[in-house]
Amino acid sequence: MISKGRLAVICNEKSGVSKASGKDWKSLTFVVTTDDQYNPNLAFTTSNLVDVVKAIPIGAEVEVEWNPSSREYNGNWYSEFKAWKITQVGGAPRAPLTSDTNGSDLPF
């Protein structure tokens, strides 16, 4: 699946050592805000794109390719969106609108 939007939040990186293989691992959750009217925020997880996501500035337009995943644990089901590709599209991130110091929103 493909979703487009703005990178809104990069959550804390998690890391550790695999008990099975002894190899280091890291993962990251990030949120993309879409233009959808209902439920515009999508939270994705990734383990192979941590450095790529961290290099993208907040507010940048991105395209995320992902697969849904669900698993059962102790009789409960948990779902997540696993991102396998993220691409920054367009130029610089949108700057927030601010007013000047005298309180007027006019540019002159």
Protein backbone atom coordinates (compact mmCIF):
# COMPACT_ATOMS: atom_id res chain seq x y z
CA MET A 1 0.00 0.00 0.00
CA ILE A 2 1.09 3.61 -0.51
CA SER A 3 0.25 6.63 1.64
CA LYS A 4 1.23 10.25 1.07
CA GLY A 5 1.36 13.05 3.63
CA ARG A 6 3.62 15.12 5.86
CA LEU A 7 6.06 13.68 8.38
CA ALA A 8 4.55 14.82 11.68
CA VAL A 9 6.36 12.98 14.48
CA ILE A 10 9.42 10.78 14.87
CA CYS A 11 9.10 8.74 18.06
CA ASN A 12 11.92 7.40 20.19
CA GLU A 13 14.18 4.83 18.61
CA LYS A 14 14.23 1.40 20.26
CA SER A 15 17.22 -0.93 20.10
CA GLY A 16 18.55 -4.12 21.61
CA VAL A 17 20.19 -7.44 20.93
CA SER A 18 18.29 -10.39 19.50
CA LYS A 19 18.16 -13.35 21.88
CA ALA A 20 17.91 -15.78 18.97
CA SER A 21 20.73 -14.51 16.74
CA GLY A 22 22.72 -12.22 19.05
CA LYS A 23 22.59 -9.44 16.44
CA ASP A 24 21.85 -5.79 17.23
CA TRP A 25 18.47 -4.45 16.14
CA LYS A 26 16.71 -1.08 16.13
CA SER A 27 13.22 0.09 15.30
CA LEU A 28 11.36 3.36 15.06
CA THR A 29 7.77 4.59 14.95
CA PHE A 30 6.90 7.67 12.91
CA VAL A 31 3.63 9.45 12.17
CA VAL A 32 2.50 10.78 8.80
CA THR A 33 -0.42 13.22 8.57
CA THR A 34 -2.51 12.84 5.43
CA ASP A 35 -5.15 15.12 3.95
CA ASP A 36 -7.91 12.62 4.79
CA GLN A 37 -10.89 14.11 6.61
CA TYR A 38 -11.23 11.23 9.06
CA ASN A 39 -8.28 9.62 10.84
CA PRO A 40 -5.59 11.67 9.06
CA ASN A 41 -2.69 10.41 11.22
CA LEU A 42 -1.00 7.11 10.39
CA ALA A 43 1.64 5.60 12.68
CA PHE A 44 4.20 3.39 10.93
CA THR A 45 6.91 1.15 12.37
CA THR A 46 10.17 0.26 10.66
CA SER A 47 13.38 -1.52 11.46
CA ASN A 48 15.29 -1.13 8.20
CA LEU A 49 14.58 2.58 7.55
CA VAL A 50 15.53 4.12 10.91
CA ASP A 51 18.38 6.26 9.57
CA VAL A 52 16.39 7.26 6.45
CA VAL A 53 13.41 8.48 8.50
CA LYS A 54 15.64 10.39 10.93
CA ALA A 55 17.23 12.26 8.00
CA ILE A 56 13.87 13.62 6.78
CA PRO A 57 12.83 16.95 8.34
CA ILE A 58 9.54 17.21 10.22
CA GLY A 59 6.87 18.71 7.94
CA ALA A 60 8.37 17.29 4.74
CA GLU A 61 6.04 15.71 2.20
CA VAL A 62 6.65 11.95 2.10
CA GLU A 63 5.39 8.86 0.34
CA VAL A 64 5.39 5.69 2.44
CA GLU A 65 5.09 2.18 1.06
CA TRP A 66 3.88 -0.23 3.72
CA ASN A 67 2.17 -3.51 4.54
CA PRO A 68 -0.36 -4.13 7.30
CA SER A 69 0.56 -6.80 9.82
CA SER A 70 -1.34 -8.48 12.66
CA ARG A 71 -0.27 -10.98 15.29
CA GLU A 72 -1.79 -12.74 18.27
CA TYR A 73 -0.37 -12.62 21.79
CA ASN A 74 -2.13 -14.18 24.79
CA GLY A 75 -5.48 -14.24 23.01
CA ASN A 76 -5.28 -10.59 21.89
CA TRP A 77 -4.60 -9.36 18.38
CA TYR A 78 -2.26 -6.46 17.60
CA SER A 79 -1.97 -4.69 14.25
CA GLU A 80 0.66 -2.36 12.84
CA PHE A 81 1.68 -0.67 9.61
CA LYS A 82 5.18 -1.83 8.64
CA ALA A 83 6.93 0.70 6.38
CA TRP A 84 9.40 -0.78 3.91
CA LYS A 85 10.11 2.35 1.85
CA ILE A 86 9.86 6.09 2.54
CA THR A 87 10.61 8.80 0.02
CA GLN A 88 10.69 12.54 0.55
CA VAL A 89 8.76 14.21 -2.28
CA GLY A 90 8.82 17.84 -3.28
CA GLY A 91 11.10 20.47 -1.83
CA ALA A 92 11.59 21.85 1.64
CA PRO A 93 8.98 21.27 4.37
CA ARG A 94 6.15 23.72 4.74
CA ALA A 95 6.94 26.55 7.13
CA PRO A 96 4.28 27.43 9.70
CA LEU A 97 2.52 30.74 9.17
CA THR A 98 3.51 33.38 11.72
CA SER A 99 2.42 36.96 12.23
CA ASP A 100 4.83 39.88 12.53
CA THR A 101 5.69 41.58 15.82
CA ASN A 102 3.01 44.29 15.70
CA GLY A 103 0.18 41.75 15.54
CA SER A 104 -0.82 42.43 11.93
CA ASP A 105 -1.02 39.49 9.55
CA LEU A 106 -0.51 41.77 6.53
CA PRO A 107 2.83 41.40 4.72
CA PHE A 108 3.15 45.22 4.18
